[in-house]
C-alpha atoms as a PDB file:
ATOM      1  CA  PHE A   1     102.302  89.506 107.766  1.00  0.00           C
ATOM      2  CA  THR A   2     105.948  88.717 108.629  1.00  0.00           C
ATOM      3  CA  ARG A   3     107.181  89.601 105.148  1.00  0.00           C
ATOM      4  CA  PRO A   4     106.668  92.649 103.083  1.00  0.00           C
ATOM      5  CA  VAL A   5     103.455  92.730 101.024  1.00  0.00           C
ATOM      6  CA  ALA A   6     101.794  95.024  98.559  1.00  0.00           C
ATOM      7  CA  VAL A   7      98.673  96.714  99.479  1.00  0.00           C
ATOM      8  CA  ILE A   8      96.749  97.851  96.408  1.00  0.00           C
ATOM      9  CA  LEU A   9      94.052 100.804  96.910  1.00  0.00           C
ATOM     10  CA  SER A  10      93.363 100.874  93.415  1.00  0.00           C
ATOM     11  CA  ALA A  11      90.122 103.050  92.565  1.00  0.00           C
ATOM     12  CA  ILE A  12      88.857 102.510  96.100  1.00  0.00           C
ATOM     13  CA  LEU A  13      89.643 105.558  98.365  1.00  0.00           C
ATOM     14  CA  HIS A  14      87.761 108.122  95.921  1.00  0.00           C
ATOM     15  CA  HIS A  15      84.587 106.271  96.831  1.00  0.00           C
ATOM     16  CA  VAL A  16      85.203 107.044 100.435  1.00  0.00           C
ATOM     17  CA  ASN A  17      83.913 110.273 101.817  1.00  0.00           C
ATOM     18  CA  ASP A  18      85.799 112.284 104.106  1.00  0.00           C
ATOM     19  CA  ASP A  19      83.397 111.644 107.312  1.00  0.00           C
ATOM     20  CA  GLU A  20      84.143 107.927 106.284  1.00  0.00           C
ATOM     21  CA  ASP A  21      87.995 108.600 107.190  1.00  0.00           C
ATOM     22  CA  PRO A  22      89.985 107.148 104.182  1.00  0.00           C
ATOM     23  CA  ALA A  23      93.125 108.123 105.603  1.00  0.00           C
ATOM     24  CA  GLY A  24      92.243 105.770 108.443  1.00  0.00           C
ATOM     25  CA  ILE A  25      91.926 102.865 105.988  1.00  0.00           C
ATOM     26  CA  VAL A  26      95.413 103.196 104.586  1.00  0.00           C
ATOM     27  CA  ARG A  27      96.512 103.915 108.430  1.00  0.00           C
ATOM     28  CA  TYR A  28      95.088 100.701 109.585  1.00  0.00           C
ATOM     29  CA  TRP A  29      97.056  98.702 106.782  1.00  0.00           C
ATOM     30  CA  ARG A  30     100.292 100.775 107.321  1.00  0.00           C
ATOM     31  CA  ASP A  31     100.079  99.699 110.954  1.00  0.00           C
ATOM     32  CA  HIS A  32      99.508  96.221 110.319  1.00  0.00           C
ATOM     33  CA  VAL A  33     102.045  95.448 107.434  1.00  0.00           C
ATOM     34  CA  PRO A  34     105.786  94.991 107.854  1.00  0.00           C
ATOM     35  CA  SER A  35     108.618  97.529 107.115  1.00  0.00           C
ATOM     36  CA  GLY A  36     109.354  97.062 103.324  1.00  0.00           C
ATOM     37  CA  SER A  37     105.828  96.801 102.135  1.00  0.00           C
ATOM     38  CA  TYR A  38     104.517  98.872  99.217  1.00  0.00           C
ATOM     39  CA  PHE A  39     101.312 100.664  98.974  1.00  0.00           C
ATOM     40  CA  PHE A  40      99.825 101.620  95.447  1.00  0.00           C
ATOM     41  CA  ILE A  41      96.992 104.087  95.133  1.00  0.00           C
ATOM     42  CA  SER A  42      95.099 105.349  92.079  1.00  0.00           C
ATOM     43  CA  HIS A  43      92.374 107.949  92.896  1.00  0.00           C
ATOM     44  CA  PHE A  44      90.241 110.505  91.197  1.00  0.00           C
ATOM     45  CA  ARG A  45      91.791 113.839  91.065  1.00  0.00           C
ATOM     46  CA  SER A  46      90.410 117.270  90.924  1.00  0.00           C
ATOM     47  CA  GLY A  47      91.859 119.123  87.791  1.00  0.00           C
ATOM     48  CA  ASN A  48      90.954 122.466  88.881  1.00  0.00           C
ATOM     49  CA  ASN A  49      89.668 123.635  85.517  1.00  0.00           C
ATOM     50  CA  PRO A  50      86.030 123.629  83.864  1.00  0.00           C
ATOM     51  CA  GLU A  51      86.788 120.444  81.672  1.00  0.00           C
ATOM     52  CA  THR A  52      87.696 118.289  84.642  1.00  0.00           C
ATOM     53  CA  ALA A  53      85.092 119.994  86.856  1.00  0.00           C
ATOM     54  CA  GLU A  54      82.371 118.851  84.300  1.00  0.00           C
ATOM     55  CA  ALA A  55      83.625 115.118  84.058  1.00  0.00           C
ATOM     56  CA  GLU A  56      83.668 115.335  87.782  1.00  0.00           C
ATOM     57  CA  MET A  57      80.261 116.206  88.029  1.00  0.00           C
ATOM     58  CA  VAL A  58      79.195 113.669  85.200  1.00  0.00           C
ATOM     59  CA  LEU A  59      81.042 110.837  87.333  1.00  0.00           C
ATOM     60  CA  GLN A  60      79.660 111.862  90.549  1.00  0.00           C
ATOM     61  CA  GLN A  61      75.996 111.851  89.286  1.00  0.00           C
ATOM     62  CA  THR A  62      76.680 108.256  87.954  1.00  0.00           C
ATOM     63  CA  PHE A  63      78.319 106.838  91.136  1.00  0.00           C
ATOM     64  CA  GLY A  64      76.256 109.021  93.605  1.00  0.00           C
ATOM     65  CA  ARG A  65      79.232 109.442  96.272  1.00  0.00           C
ATOM     66  CA  GLY A  66      82.776 109.826  96.304  1.00  0.00           C
ATOM     67  CA  ARG A  67      85.389 112.457  96.952  1.00  0.00           C
ATOM     68  CA  TRP A  68      87.810 114.016  94.114  1.00  0.00           C
ATOM     69  CA  ARG A  69      90.719 115.112  95.920  1.00  0.00           C
ATOM     70  CA  THR A  70      94.007 117.397  95.008  1.00  0.00           C
ATOM     71  CA  ASP A  71      97.134 115.622  94.722  1.00  0.00           C
ATOM     72  CA  ALA A  72      98.211 117.155  98.037  1.00  0.00           C
ATOM     73  CA  GLU A  73      94.926 115.539  99.471  1.00  0.00           C
ATOM     74  CA  ILE A  74      95.874 112.231  97.823  1.00  0.00           C
ATOM     75  CA  ALA A  75      99.417 112.248  99.208  1.00  0.00           C
ATOM     76  CA  SER A  76      98.167 112.897 102.654  1.00  0.00           C
ATOM     77  CA  LEU A  77      96.320 109.774 102.637  1.00  0.00           C
ATOM     78  CA  LEU A  78      99.625 107.893 102.501  1.00  0.00           C
ATOM     79  CA  ASP A  79     100.731 109.654 105.689  1.00  0.00           C
ATOM     80  CA  GLY A  80     103.831 108.031 107.163  1.00  0.00           C
ATOM     81  CA  LEU A  81     105.050 106.264 103.964  1.00  0.00           C
ATOM     82  CA  GLU A  82     107.763 107.394 101.969  1.00  0.00           C
ATOM     83  CA  ILE A  83     106.005 108.355  98.374  1.00  0.00           C
ATOM     84  CA  LEU A  84     108.345 107.038  95.723  1.00  0.00           C
ATOM     85  CA  ASP A  85     109.296 109.009  92.523  1.00  0.00           C
ATOM     86  CA  PRO A  86     107.695 110.316  90.404  1.00  0.00           C
ATOM     87  CA  GLY A  87     105.163 111.248  93.297  1.00  0.00           C
ATOM     88  CA  ILE A  88     101.387 111.414  92.864  1.00  0.00           C
ATOM     89  CA  VAL A  89     100.992 112.419  89.199  1.00  0.00           C
ATOM     90  CA  PRO A  90      98.443 111.697  86.495  1.00  0.00           C
ATOM     91  CA  ALA A  91      98.569 107.848  85.913  1.00  0.00           C
ATOM     92  CA  SER A  92      99.297 108.043  82.572  1.00  0.00           C
ATOM     93  CA  LEU A  93     102.578 110.050  83.418  1.00  0.00           C
ATOM     94  CA  TRP A  94     103.479 107.451  86.368  1.00  0.00           C
ATOM     95  CA  ARG A  95     106.340 105.743  84.342  1.00  0.00           C
ATOM     96  CA  PRO A  96     107.939 108.517  82.015  1.00  0.00           C
ATOM     97  CA  ASP A  97     110.091 105.671  80.406  1.00  0.00           C
ATOM     98  CA  GLU A  98     107.297 103.773  78.956  1.00  0.00           C
ATOM     99  CA  SER A  99     106.978 103.839  75.347  1.00  0.00           C
ATOM    100  CA  ASP A 100     103.288 104.911  75.047  1.00  0.00           C
ATOM    101  CA  ASN A 101     103.737 107.753  77.590  1.00  0.00           C
ATOM    102  CA  PRO A 102     102.739 110.935  76.177  1.00  0.00           C
ATOM    103  CA  TRP A 103     105.915 112.790  77.428  1.00  0.00           C
ATOM    104  CA  ASN A 104     108.503 109.916  76.079  1.00  0.00           C
ATOM    105  CA  SER A 105     110.554 110.368  73.042  1.00  0.00           C
ATOM    106  CA  GLY A 106     110.516 114.193  73.260  1.00  0.00           C
ATOM    107  CA  GLU A 107     106.832 113.988  71.571  1.00  0.00           C
ATOM    108  CA  ARG A 108     104.727 115.768  73.969  1.00  0.00           C
ATOM    109  CA  ARG A 109     100.752 115.719  73.815  1.00  0.00           C
ATOM    110  CA  GLU A 110      98.385 117.071  76.070  1.00  0.00           C
ATOM    111  CA  LEU A 111      96.753 114.746  78.322  1.00  0.00           C
ATOM    112  CA  THR A 112      92.978 114.296  77.697  1.00  0.00           C
ATOM    113  CA  VAL A 113      90.566 115.490  80.486  1.00  0.00           C
ATOM    114  CA  TRP A 114      90.123 111.838  81.679  1.00  0.00           C
ATOM    115  CA  GLU A 115      93.722 111.260  81.860  1.00  0.00           C
ATOM    116  CA  HIS A 116      93.955 114.355  84.131  1.00  0.00           C
ATOM    117  CA  LEU A 117      91.433 112.799  86.278  1.00  0.00           C
ATOM    118  CA  ILE A 118      93.231 109.633  87.327  1.00  0.00           C
ATOM    119  CA  ALA A 119      96.359 109.877  89.611  1.00  0.00           C
ATOM    120  CA  ALA A 120      98.557 107.425  90.947  1.00  0.00           C
ATOM    121  CA  GLY A 121     101.310 106.718  93.624  1.00  0.00           C
ATOM    122  CA  LEU A 122     103.314 104.076  94.728  1.00  0.00           C
ATOM    123  CA  ALA A 123     104.540 104.493  98.487  1.00  0.00           C
ATOM    124  CA  ARG A 124     106.613 102.377 100.638  1.00  0.00           C
ATOM    125  CA  LYS A 125     106.880 101.787 104.414  1.00  0.00           C
ATOM    126  CA  ALA A 126     110.163 102.315 106.057  1.00  0.00           C
END
């Protein structure tokens, strides 16, 4: 690892319980890649409402393990990295300039329950 790389943690860390140290997984790679490397994360996120709580319950029963985290908890997994704009947001809102984004063109629609459940973010090692 002499040149910057991309570390992709897509749909991984939400399967790692707190006692298994998901932040340690990120920290390991952060400490072993050179400056200028990027980290992409997607993660199940807590929606803090009855609809997403129900979806979380269904998925938890299906997978049998894992941890849904708040945006702040997801961001804390990227400790020591610079989280780039637009930050930790629902994955469908991550690139607001895309034509299929529900917030684009002034036509806003409500995100679905499932869209609220998946967050994404990009960070860079300084």
